[in-house]
Amino acid sequence: MNTRIFKITAFLLAFAGSFPSCSKDGGEDWLSIAFSVVHDESTSIVGKWKLEKVIQVFAERKTYDYSRHNIVYEFYEDNILKVSGNTKHGRCLSNGTYPYSIDVHEGGATLKLHGLSTGCAFNSKELAFSYCHLDGDTYYFTRITPKK
């Protein structure tokens, strides 16, 4: 019985170790890259944000450049997000409206969007959030308009 438990445990550890995480070889943390955006607690997420790029961190690192597209995430005061300009890009939310919540705290914020919570950082010019803890993508935006 103990031998079987040992074999199963060894298999699971080897299996889990074969998948990449939020860390790159050499210990560079993808979350720290995502949050190179310096959070400013005096700023609001409310306003229009243009999607600039999405970085895939699971399996293999790959950057998708959206800077030439006009995909806009507009956060409203009433906790509604409106996504527009997404004609065929599957790495981001489809056009439509979505509920969101934001909890701002020292050093960053927690964004709950489309049922998933993640850390995020934003200031008067940039927004970044990452789902790499769920083997998801990291998103980078630039502000189009400030809080209304």
Foldseek 3Di string as FASTA:
>chain_A
DVVVVVVVVVVVVVVVVVWDAQADPVGDGVVCVLVVPFADLVFDPAAKWFWAWKWQDTPHTDIDGCNVFGWIWGAHPVQKTATDRCDDDDQDDDGDIWGKDWADDPRFIWIQTPNDIWTWGDDQFKIWTAPRNVSGMITIITGDDGHD
